Amino acid sequence: MHINYVTNADLCNEIRKNLWKIPHDISGVICIPRGGLFCGSVIAEFLHVPIYTVDSFLEGKDLGMGLARENMSVKMGKWLVVDDSVATGKALTDAYYRLKGYGDFIFCAVVADMGMQGYWQHVPDVIVLCDIWEPRVFELNLFRTVWITKSILDIDGVLCKNPQWGLDENEELYIEHIKNADPLMPLTYPALALCTSRLSKYCEETKTWLVKNNIQYQMLYMSDIPSREERMNLIRDPIVTDMKARVYSSYHQDDAALFIESSYSEASHIFSITKRPVLCLDTNTLIQD
């Protein structure tokens, strides 16, 4: 399966390249939370106009002022309503009906699958800046989407900050790191699995940290190498990365559609064995055929 990975930089570039599609005489940008806030604020910055959410617009408040503007007539001017992407068109359609009758609105999706255009046919003349088909994954919201339920995640460098190099030489300090590692990405949905190079001897400390940070998962896989010393003796042998690839391959691709890894070298090795998509967070690239 080929996945279209859309980075935040991709979104900004598509907006900049396609500004000509958007009328420049708009009075402001109305953003559909949540991704629409990111994209709408970029458009508003480029065009030097105020930004709103649907709620704040109906209340007469722009997000820059935060106060009701009594002299604002919402029925005057032309307004751009923006979402980051559209598939079924539910959010765009909901915004259309909420705003209907309150002014002159133009609707815009930065990314859409034009093959699904029939789903948002009730919203007239939607401007689409970029046609990217499903399946697609956005950097902006990956960790709060159902994609996580079909993903296997590394822990260090993905869910929490990597330990300093050599920290595991000191058992006491390393355990302290595992217990109190600074979290990176919270999850909205439970991960299909977590797969880490941490030694299985640290399983209880790892599980305690996961519970403390409300990270849910179905399975936890850890390295079965008995000691750090043995692992260091195997430093040139990709035994841990082989373990990650083996775990990934053990799932059907319909169940495990993505592996999320921090290290580029490990991500590349996992892909070379599995020939399945691996997202490397260090380089923000999706490695796939």
C-alpha atoms as a PDB file:
ATOM      1  CA  MET A   1       0.000   0.000   0.000  1.00  0.00           C
ATOM      2  CA  HIS A   2       1.317   3.441  -0.931  1.00  0.00           C
ATOM      3  CA  ILE A   3       0.534   6.159   1.625  1.00  0.00           C
ATOM      4  CA  ASN A   4       0.568   9.838   0.735  1.00  0.00           C
ATOM      5  CA  TYR A   5       2.379  11.576   3.600  1.00  0.00           C
ATOM      6  CA  VAL A   6       1.635  15.302   3.845  1.00  0.00           C
ATOM      7  CA  THR A   7       4.030  17.328   5.996  1.00  0.00           C
ATOM      8  CA  ASN A   8       3.302  20.733   7.512  1.00  0.00           C
ATOM      9  CA  ALA A   9       5.825  22.158   5.035  1.00  0.00           C
ATOM     10  CA  ASP A  10       3.872  20.533   2.188  1.00  0.00           C
ATOM     11  CA  LEU A  11       0.699  22.279   3.354  1.00  0.00           C
ATOM     12  CA  CYS A  12       2.445  25.663   3.511  1.00  0.00           C
ATOM     13  CA  ASN A  13       4.016  25.180   0.083  1.00  0.00           C
ATOM     14  CA  GLU A  14       0.716  24.166  -1.520  1.00  0.00           C
ATOM     15  CA  ILE A  15      -0.965  27.233  -0.028  1.00  0.00           C
ATOM     16  CA  ARG A  16       1.773  29.547  -1.290  1.00  0.00           C
ATOM     17  CA  LYS A  17       1.815  28.040  -4.796  1.00  0.00           C
ATOM     18  CA  ASN A  18      -1.960  28.142  -5.135  1.00  0.00           C
ATOM     19  CA  LEU A  19      -2.820  31.528  -3.641  1.00  0.00           C
ATOM     20  CA  TRP A  20      -3.915  32.586  -7.130  1.00  0.00           C
ATOM     21  CA  LYS A  21      -6.969  30.326  -6.740  1.00  0.00           C
ATOM     22  CA  ILE A  22      -8.182  32.349  -3.746  1.00  0.00           C
ATOM     23  CA  PRO A  23      -9.851  35.763  -4.259  1.00  0.00           C
ATOM     24  CA  HIS A  24      -7.600  38.399  -2.685  1.00  0.00           C
ATOM     25  CA  ASP A  25     -10.452  40.750  -1.814  1.00  0.00           C
ATOM     26  CA  ILE A  26     -11.672  38.652   1.119  1.00  0.00           C
ATOM     27  CA  SER A  27     -12.390  40.356   4.430  1.00  0.00           C
ATOM     28  CA  GLY A  28     -11.055  37.504   6.548  1.00  0.00           C
ATOM     29  CA  VAL A  29     -10.452  33.778   6.925  1.00  0.00           C
ATOM     30  CA  ILE A  30     -12.775  31.523   8.930  1.00  0.00           C
ATOM     31  CA  CYS A  31     -10.970  28.378  10.095  1.00  0.00           C
ATOM     32  CA  ILE A  32     -12.549  24.991  10.715  1.00  0.00           C
ATOM     33  CA  PRO A  33     -10.792  23.488  13.774  1.00  0.00           C
ATOM     34  CA  ARG A  34      -8.443  21.797  14.084  1.00  0.00           C
ATOM     35  CA  GLY A  35      -6.273  21.485  11.012  1.00  0.00           C
ATOM     36  CA  GLY A  36      -8.140  24.351   9.413  1.00  0.00           C
ATOM     37  CA  LEU A  37      -6.722  26.664  12.075  1.00  0.00           C
ATOM     38  CA  PHE A  38      -3.185  25.870  10.928  1.00  0.00           C
ATOM     39  CA  CYS A  39      -3.925  26.250   7.225  1.00  0.00           C
ATOM     40  CA  GLY A  40      -6.284  29.180   7.660  1.00  0.00           C
ATOM     41  CA  SER A  41      -3.742  31.128   9.700  1.00  0.00           C
ATOM     42  CA  VAL A  42      -1.133  30.598   6.948  1.00  0.00           C
ATOM     43  CA  ILE A  43      -3.536  31.908   4.307  1.00  0.00           C
ATOM     44  CA  ALA A  44      -4.488  34.849   6.524  1.00  0.00           C
ATOM     45  CA  GLU A  45      -0.803  35.703   7.038  1.00  0.00           C
ATOM     46  CA  PHE A  46      -0.125  35.630   3.313  1.00  0.00           C
ATOM     47  CA  LEU A  47      -3.162  37.800   2.523  1.00  0.00           C
ATOM     48  CA  HIS A  48      -2.875  40.086   5.602  1.00  0.00           C
ATOM     49  CA  VAL A  49      -6.450  39.549   6.802  1.00  0.00           C
ATOM     50  CA  PRO A  50      -7.928  38.629  10.223  1.00  0.00           C
ATOM     51  CA  ILE A  51      -8.781  35.055  11.195  1.00  0.00           C
ATOM     52  CA  TYR A  52     -11.802  33.535  12.912  1.00  0.00           C
ATOM     53  CA  THR A  53     -13.260  30.198  13.878  1.00  0.00           C
ATOM     54  CA  VAL A  54     -16.865  29.542  12.903  1.00  0.00           C
ATOM     55  CA  ASP A  55     -17.933  30.206  16.491  1.00  0.00           C
ATOM     56  CA  SER A  56     -15.907  33.401  16.883  1.00  0.00           C
ATOM     57  CA  PHE A  57     -17.166  34.725  13.549  1.00  0.00           C
ATOM     58  CA  LEU A  58     -20.782  34.242  14.581  1.00  0.00           C
ATOM     59  CA  GLU A  59     -19.952  36.001  17.857  1.00  0.00           C
ATOM     60  CA  GLY A  60     -18.270  38.884  16.023  1.00  0.00           C
ATOM     61  CA  LYS A  61     -14.814  38.177  17.482  1.00  0.00           C
ATOM     62  CA  ASP A  62     -11.615  37.738  15.495  1.00  0.00           C
ATOM     63  CA  LEU A  63      -8.822  35.658  16.996  1.00  0.00           C
ATOM     64  CA  GLY A  64      -6.376  38.549  16.922  1.00  0.00           C
ATOM     65  CA  MET A  65      -8.486  40.910  19.020  1.00  0.00           C
ATOM     66  CA  GLY A  66     -10.348  38.393  21.156  1.00  0.00           C
ATOM     67  CA  LEU A  67     -13.010  41.034  21.777  1.00  0.00           C
ATOM     68  CA  ALA A  68     -16.353  41.599  20.119  1.00  0.00           C
ATOM     69  CA  ARG A  69     -16.140  44.268  17.428  1.00  0.00           C
ATOM     70  CA  GLU A  70     -19.390  46.163  17.710  1.00  0.00           C
ATOM     71  CA  ASN A  71     -18.916  47.929  14.395  1.00  0.00           C
ATOM     72  CA  MET A  72     -18.471  44.614  12.543  1.00  0.00           C
ATOM     73  CA  SER A  73     -21.338  43.597  10.304  1.00  0.00           C
ATOM     74  CA  VAL A  74     -20.976  39.909   9.515  1.00  0.00           C
ATOM     75  CA  LYS A  75     -23.180  40.370   6.471  1.00  0.00           C
ATOM     76  CA  MET A  76     -20.674  42.680   4.827  1.00  0.00           C
ATOM     77  CA  GLY A  77     -17.647  41.513   2.890  1.00  0.00           C
ATOM     78  CA  LYS A  78     -16.527  38.216   1.433  1.00  0.00           C
ATOM     79  CA  TRP A  79     -15.197  35.499   3.729  1.00  0.00           C
ATOM     80  CA  LEU A  80     -13.010  32.472   3.073  1.00  0.00           C
ATOM     81  CA  VAL A  81     -13.879  29.327   5.050  1.00  0.00           C
ATOM     82  CA  VAL A  82     -10.864  26.974   5.262  1.00  0.00           C
ATOM     83  CA  ASP A  83     -10.267  23.367   6.251  1.00  0.00           C
ATOM     84  CA  ASP A  84      -6.951  21.546   5.936  1.00  0.00           C
ATOM     85  CA  SER A  85      -8.449  18.579   4.102  1.00  0.00           C
ATOM     86  CA  VAL A  86     -11.748  17.174   2.970  1.00  0.00           C
ATOM     87  CA  ALA A  87     -12.753  13.564   2.429  1.00  0.00           C
ATOM     88  CA  THR A  88     -16.384  12.933   3.354  1.00  0.00           C
ATOM     89  CA  GLY A  89     -16.896  16.697   3.644  1.00  0.00           C
ATOM     90  CA  LYS A  90     -18.747  16.499   6.977  1.00  0.00           C
ATOM     91  CA  ALA A  91     -16.881  19.374   8.672  1.00  0.00           C
ATOM     92  CA  LEU A  92     -17.143  21.566   5.574  1.00  0.00           C
ATOM     93  CA  THR A  93     -20.859  20.812   5.192  1.00  0.00           C
ATOM     94  CA  ASP A  94     -21.534  21.523   8.875  1.00  0.00           C
ATOM     95  CA  ALA A  95     -19.759  24.883   8.575  1.00  0.00           C
ATOM     96  CA  TYR A  96     -21.751  25.695   5.430  1.00  0.00           C
ATOM     97  CA  TYR A  97     -25.100  25.209   7.155  1.00  0.00           C
ATOM     98  CA  ARG A  98     -24.019  27.057  10.310  1.00  0.00           C
ATOM     99  CA  LEU A  99     -22.859  30.081   8.345  1.00  0.00           C
ATOM    100  CA  LYS A 100     -25.606  30.090   5.729  1.00  0.00           C
ATOM    101  CA  GLY A 101     -27.425  33.403   5.706  1.00  0.00           C
ATOM    102  CA  TYR A 102     -24.726  35.286   7.624  1.00  0.00           C
ATOM    103  CA  GLY A 103     -22.748  36.603   4.686  1.00  0.00           C
ATOM    104  CA  ASP A 104     -20.960  35.849   1.423  1.00  0.00           C
ATOM    105  CA  PHE A 105     -18.748  32.779   1.873  1.00  0.00           C
ATOM    106  CA  ILE A 106     -16.199  30.965  -0.255  1.00  0.00           C
ATOM    107  CA  PHE A 107     -15.161  27.484   0.883  1.00  0.00           C
ATOM    108  CA  CYS A 108     -11.647  26.115   0.551  1.00  0.00           C
ATOM    109  CA  ALA A 109      -9.847  22.839   1.292  1.00  0.00           C
ATOM    110  CA  VAL A 110      -6.066  22.826   1.056  1.00  0.00           C
ATOM    111  CA  VAL A 111      -6.048  19.073   0.329  1.00  0.00           C
ATOM    112  CA  ALA A 112      -8.826  16.935  -1.109  1.00  0.00           C
ATOM    113  CA  ASP A 113      -9.341  13.664  -2.916  1.00  0.00           C
ATOM    114  CA  MET A 114     -11.268  14.874  -5.953  1.00  0.00           C
ATOM    115  CA  GLY A 115     -12.516  11.349  -6.510  1.00  0.00           C
ATOM    116  CA  MET A 116     -14.687  11.857  -3.424  1.00  0.00           C
ATOM    117  CA  GLN A 117     -16.104  15.199  -4.555  1.00  0.00           C
ATOM    118  CA  GLY A 118     -19.662  13.886  -4.488  1.00  0.00           C
ATOM    119  CA  TYR A 119     -19.542  13.721  -0.706  1.00  0.00           C
ATOM    120  CA  TRP A 120     -19.464  17.507  -0.322  1.00  0.00           C
ATOM    121  CA  GLN A 121     -21.769  18.368  -3.232  1.00  0.00           C
ATOM    122  CA  HIS A 122     -24.044  20.403  -0.933  1.00  0.00           C
ATOM    123  CA  VAL A 123     -21.268  22.977  -0.460  1.00  0.00           C
ATOM    124  CA  PRO A 124     -21.125  25.138  -3.601  1.00  0.00           C
ATOM    125  CA  ASP A 125     -17.889  25.803  -5.517  1.00  0.00           C
ATOM    126  CA  VAL A 126     -15.306  24.460  -3.076  1.00  0.00           C
ATOM    127  CA  ILE A 127     -11.803  25.676  -3.957  1.00  0.00           C
ATOM    128  CA  VAL A 128      -9.321  22.804  -3.706  1.00  0.00           C
ATOM    129  CA  LEU A 129      -5.669  23.818  -3.630  1.00  0.00           C
ATOM    130  CA  CYS A 130      -4.171  20.340  -3.970  1.00  0.00           C
ATOM    131  CA  ASP A 131      -5.559  16.952  -5.068  1.00  0.00           C
ATOM    132  CA  ILE A 132      -4.036  14.163  -2.961  1.00  0.00           C
ATOM    133  CA  TRP A 133      -5.811  10.844  -2.898  1.00  0.00           C
ATOM    134  CA  GLU A 134      -6.454   8.450  -0.047  1.00  0.00           C
ATOM    135  CA  PRO A 135      -4.855   6.830   1.851  1.00  0.00           C
ATOM    136  CA  ARG A 136      -3.079   9.901   3.166  1.00  0.00           C
ATOM    137  CA  VAL A 137      -1.429  10.801   6.446  1.00  0.00           C
ATOM    138  CA  PHE A 138      -0.826  14.305   7.772  1.00  0.00           C
ATOM    139  CA  GLU A 139       2.117  15.232   9.974  1.00  0.00           C
ATOM    140  CA  LEU A 140      -0.205  17.794  11.544  1.00  0.00           C
ATOM    141  CA  ASN A 141      -2.582  15.320  13.159  1.00  0.00           C
ATOM    142  CA  LEU A 142      -1.182  11.797  12.745  1.00  0.00           C
ATOM    143  CA  PHE A 143      -0.939  11.097  16.479  1.00  0.00           C
ATOM    144  CA  ARG A 144      -4.579  11.969  17.120  1.00  0.00           C
ATOM    145  CA  THR A 145      -6.112   9.951  14.279  1.00  0.00           C
ATOM    146  CA  VAL A 146      -7.229   6.347  13.891  1.00  0.00           C
ATOM    147  CA  TRP A 147      -4.053   5.742  11.868  1.00  0.00           C
ATOM    148  CA  ILE A 148      -2.408   5.080  15.243  1.00  0.00           C
ATOM    149  CA  THR A 149      -4.632   2.015  15.731  1.00  0.00           C
ATOM    150  CA  LYS A 150      -2.966   0.570  12.605  1.00  0.00           C
ATOM    151  CA  SER A 151       0.579   1.632  13.551  1.00  0.00           C
ATOM    152  CA  ILE A 152       3.514   0.143  15.452  1.00  0.00           C
ATOM    153  CA  LEU A 153       5.493   2.794  17.347  1.00  0.00           C
ATOM    154  CA  ASP A 154       8.979   2.978  18.741  1.00  0.00           C
ATOM    155  CA  ILE A 155       9.081   4.577  22.217  1.00  0.00           C
ATOM    156  CA  ASP A 156      12.325   6.560  22.628  1.00  0.00           C
ATOM    157  CA  GLY A 157      12.392   9.412  20.137  1.00  0.00           C
ATOM    158  CA  VAL A 158       8.718   8.903  19.246  1.00  0.00           C
ATOM    159  CA  LEU A 159       6.676   8.949  22.440  1.00  0.00           C
ATOM    160  CA  CYS A 160       9.371  10.386  24.681  1.00  0.00           C
ATOM    161  CA  LYS A 161      12.708  12.150  24.475  1.00  0.00           C
ATOM    162  CA  ASN A 162      15.685   9.972  23.610  1.00  0.00           C
ATOM    163  CA  PRO A 163      18.094   9.323  26.492  1.00  0.00           C
ATOM    164  CA  GLN A 164      21.488  10.963  26.280  1.00  0.00           C
ATOM    165  CA  TRP A 165      24.066   8.828  24.527  1.00  0.00           C
ATOM    166  CA  GLY A 166      25.757   6.518  27.044  1.00  0.00           C
ATOM    167  CA  LEU A 167      23.206   7.148  29.782  1.00  0.00           C
ATOM    168  CA  ASP A 168      22.429   3.433  29.942  1.00  0.00           C
ATOM    169  CA  GLU A 169      25.989   2.832  31.187  1.00  0.00           C
ATOM    170  CA  ASN A 170      24.718   4.008  34.572  1.00  0.00           C
ATOM    171  CA  GLU A 171      21.892   1.681  35.623  1.00  0.00           C
ATOM    172  CA  GLU A 172      20.487   4.076  38.223  1.00  0.00           C
ATOM    173  CA  LEU A 173      20.400   7.088  35.887  1.00  0.00           C
ATOM    174  CA  TYR A 174      18.960   5.031  33.034  1.00  0.00           C
ATOM    175  CA  ILE A 175      16.101   3.720  35.156  1.00  0.00           C
ATOM    176  CA  GLU A 176      15.471   7.297  36.300  1.00  0.00           C
ATOM    177  CA  HIS A 177      15.187   8.306  32.633  1.00  0.00           C
ATOM    178  CA  ILE A 178      12.714   5.525  31.884  1.00  0.00           C
ATOM    179  CA  LYS A 179      10.564   6.497  34.857  1.00  0.00           C
ATOM    180  CA  ASN A 180      10.592  10.242  34.163  1.00  0.00           C
ATOM    181  CA  ALA A 181      11.298  10.660  30.437  1.00  0.00           C
ATOM    182  CA  ASP A 182       9.887  13.867  28.958  1.00  0.00           C
ATOM    183  CA  PRO A 183       6.874  12.940  26.789  1.00  0.00           C
ATOM    184  CA  LEU A 184       6.724  13.965  23.135  1.00  0.00           C
ATOM    185  CA  MET A 185       3.558  12.895  21.352  1.00  0.00           C
ATOM    186  CA  PRO A 186       0.328  12.138  23.244  1.00  0.00           C
ATOM    187  CA  LEU A 187      -1.994   9.600  21.636  1.00  0.00           C
ATOM    188  CA  THR A 188      -5.738   9.990  21.210  1.00  0.00           C
ATOM    189  CA  TYR A 189      -6.245   6.373  20.148  1.00  0.00           C
ATOM    190  CA  PRO A 190      -4.529   3.205  21.411  1.00  0.00           C
ATOM    191  CA  ALA A 191      -1.553   2.141  19.310  1.00  0.00           C
ATOM    192  CA  LEU A 192      -1.663  -1.255  17.661  1.00  0.00           C
ATOM    193  CA  ALA A 193       1.717  -2.005  19.266  1.00  0.00           C
ATOM    194  CA  LEU A 194       4.805  -0.445  20.798  1.00  0.00           C
ATOM    195  CA  CYS A 195       8.160  -1.917  19.760  1.00  0.00           C
ATOM    196  CA  THR A 196      11.336  -0.712  21.473  1.00  0.00           C
ATOM    197  CA  SER A 197      15.015  -1.582  21.726  1.00  0.00           C
ATOM    198  CA  ARG A 198      14.800  -1.230  25.500  1.00  0.00           C
ATOM    199  CA  LEU A 199      15.751  -4.423  27.300  1.00  0.00           C
ATOM    200  CA  SER A 200      12.802  -6.432  28.580  1.00  0.00           C
ATOM    201  CA  LYS A 201      14.268  -6.179  32.111  1.00  0.00           C
ATOM    202  CA  TYR A 202      12.907  -2.622  32.114  1.00  0.00           C
ATOM    203  CA  CYS A 203       9.385  -3.744  31.218  1.00  0.00           C
ATOM    204  CA  GLU A 204       7.697  -2.726  34.482  1.00  0.00           C
ATOM    205  CA  GLU A 205       9.299   0.746  34.540  1.00  0.00           C
ATOM    206  CA  THR A 206       8.291   1.231  30.910  1.00  0.00           C
ATOM    207  CA  LYS A 207       4.687   0.169  31.522  1.00  0.00           C
ATOM    208  CA  THR A 208       4.467   2.470  34.535  1.00  0.00           C
ATOM    209  CA  TRP A 209       5.597   5.433  32.425  1.00  0.00           C
ATOM    210  CA  LEU A 210       3.090   4.569  29.699  1.00  0.00           C
ATOM    211  CA  VAL A 211       0.237   4.466  32.212  1.00  0.00           C
ATOM    212  CA  LYS A 212       1.370   7.736  33.808  1.00  0.00           C
ATOM    213  CA  ASN A 213       1.314   9.426  30.393  1.00  0.00           C
ATOM    214  CA  ASN A 214      -2.020   7.886  29.357  1.00  0.00           C
ATOM    215  CA  ILE A 215      -0.523   6.049  26.376  1.00  0.00           C
ATOM    216  CA  GLN A 216      -2.669   3.079  25.445  1.00  0.00           C
ATOM    217  CA  TYR A 217      -1.574   0.164  23.281  1.00  0.00           C
ATOM    218  CA  GLN A 218      -2.499  -3.401  22.473  1.00  0.00           C
ATOM    219  CA  MET A 219       0.950  -5.026  22.610  1.00  0.00           C
ATOM    220  CA  LEU A 220       4.403  -4.125  23.924  1.00  0.00           C
ATOM    221  CA  TYR A 221       7.520  -5.676  22.369  1.00  0.00           C
ATOM    222  CA  MET A 222      10.945  -5.244  23.981  1.00  0.00           C
ATOM    223  CA  SER A 223      14.435  -6.561  23.273  1.00  0.00           C
ATOM    224  CA  ASP A 224      15.134 -10.002  24.725  1.00  0.00           C
ATOM    225  CA  ILE A 225      18.906  -9.421  24.866  1.00  0.00           C
ATOM    226  CA  PRO A 226      19.757 -10.142  28.524  1.00  0.00           C
ATOM    227  CA  SER A 227      22.127  -7.237  29.220  1.00  0.00           C
ATOM    228  CA  ARG A 228      23.462  -3.929  27.955  1.00  0.00           C
ATOM    229  CA  GLU A 229      26.959  -5.425  27.689  1.00  0.00           C
ATOM    230  CA  GLU A 230      25.746  -8.130  25.326  1.00  0.00           C
ATOM    231  CA  ARG A 231      23.847  -5.566  23.311  1.00  0.00           C
ATOM    232  CA  MET A 232      26.999  -3.435  23.003  1.00  0.00           C
ATOM    233  CA  ASN A 233      28.912  -6.506  21.812  1.00  0.00           C
ATOM    234  CA  LEU A 234      26.302  -6.805  19.073  1.00  0.00           C
ATOM    235  CA  ILE A 235      26.390  -3.079  18.239  1.00  0.00           C
ATOM    236  CA  ARG A 236      27.333  -3.727  14.612  1.00  0.00           C
ATOM    237  CA  ASP A 237      24.730  -6.440  14.309  1.00  0.00           C
ATOM    238  CA  PRO A 238      21.255  -5.029  13.558  1.00  0.00           C
ATOM    239  CA  ILE A 239      19.666  -7.549  15.904  1.00  0.00           C
ATOM    240  CA  VAL A 240      17.327  -5.037  17.567  1.00  0.00           C
ATOM    241  CA  THR A 241      16.225  -3.535  14.271  1.00  0.00           C
ATOM    242  CA  ASP A 242      15.694  -7.049  12.938  1.00  0.00           C
ATOM    243  CA  MET A 243      13.390  -7.612  15.901  1.00  0.00           C
ATOM    244  CA  LYS A 244      11.350  -4.541  14.967  1.00  0.00           C
ATOM    245  CA  ALA A 245      11.114  -5.711  11.358  1.00  0.00           C
ATOM    246  CA  ARG A 246      10.098  -9.182  12.527  1.00  0.00           C
ATOM    247  CA  VAL A 247       7.316  -7.756  14.697  1.00  0.00           C
ATOM    248  CA  TYR A 248       6.092  -5.540  11.846  1.00  0.00           C
ATOM    249  CA  SER A 249       6.076  -8.473   9.407  1.00  0.00           C
ATOM    250  CA  SER A 250       4.149 -10.655  11.870  1.00  0.00           C
ATOM    251  CA  TYR A 251       1.081  -8.467  11.357  1.00  0.00           C
ATOM    252  CA  HIS A 252      -0.988  -8.484   8.199  1.00  0.00           C
ATOM    253  CA  GLN A 253      -0.498  -5.231   6.295  1.00  0.00           C
ATOM    254  CA  ASP A 254      -4.213  -4.446   6.633  1.00  0.00           C
ATOM    255  CA  ASP A 255      -3.758  -4.478  10.425  1.00  0.00           C
ATOM    256  CA  ALA A 256      -0.299  -2.858  10.647  1.00  0.00           C
ATOM    257  CA  ALA A 257      -0.148  -0.261   7.890  1.00  0.00           C
ATOM    258  CA  LEU A 258       2.706   1.833   9.315  1.00  0.00           C
ATOM    259  CA  PHE A 259       5.789   1.612  11.538  1.00  0.00           C
ATOM    260  CA  ILE A 260       6.831   4.874  13.233  1.00  0.00           C
ATOM    261  CA  GLU A 261      10.541   5.045  14.079  1.00  0.00           C
ATOM    262  CA  SER A 262      12.820   7.895  15.155  1.00  0.00           C
ATOM    263  CA  SER A 263      16.194   6.769  13.747  1.00  0.00           C
ATOM    264  CA  TYR A 264      16.671   7.031   9.985  1.00  0.00           C
ATOM    265  CA  SER A 265      19.148   4.145   9.849  1.00  0.00           C
ATOM    266  CA  GLU A 266      16.761   1.882  11.752  1.00  0.00           C
ATOM    267  CA  ALA A 267      13.764   3.039   9.708  1.00  0.00           C
ATOM    268  CA  SER A 268      15.643   2.290   6.488  1.00  0.00           C
ATOM    269  CA  HIS A 269      16.641  -1.151   7.757  1.00  0.00           C
ATOM    270  CA  ILE A 270      13.091  -2.001   8.813  1.00  0.00           C
ATOM    271  CA  PHE A 271      11.865  -1.020   5.358  1.00  0.00           C
ATOM    272  CA  SER A 272      14.605  -2.962   3.599  1.00  0.00           C
ATOM    273  CA  ILE A 273      13.399  -6.144   5.317  1.00  0.00           C
ATOM    274  CA  THR A 274       9.636  -5.626   5.308  1.00  0.00           C
ATOM    275  CA  LYS A 275       9.142  -3.534   2.151  1.00  0.00           C
ATOM    276  CA  ARG A 276       6.334  -1.816   4.036  1.00  0.00           C
ATOM    277  CA  PRO A 277       5.915   1.902   4.906  1.00  0.00           C
ATOM    278  CA  VAL A 278       8.096   3.245   7.718  1.00  0.00           C
ATOM    279  CA  LEU A 279       7.782   6.827   8.936  1.00  0.00           C
ATOM    280  CA  CYS A 280      11.070   8.302  10.188  1.00  0.00           C
ATOM    281  CA  LEU A 281      10.466  11.192  12.568  1.00  0.00           C
ATOM    282  CA  ASP A 282      14.111  12.343  12.646  1.00  0.00           C
ATOM    283  CA  THR A 283      13.940  13.224   8.930  1.00  0.00           C
ATOM    284  CA  ASN A 284      10.142  13.571   8.711  1.00  0.00           C
ATOM    285  CA  THR A 285      10.050  11.247   5.720  1.00  0.00           C
ATOM    286  CA  LEU A 286       7.928   8.246   4.853  1.00  0.00           C
ATOM    287  CA  ILE A 287      10.107   5.452   3.480  1.00  0.00           C
ATOM    288  CA  GLN A 288       8.149   3.288   1.046  1.00  0.00           C
ATOM    289  CA  ASP A 289       8.116   1.923  -2.493  1.00  0.00           C
END
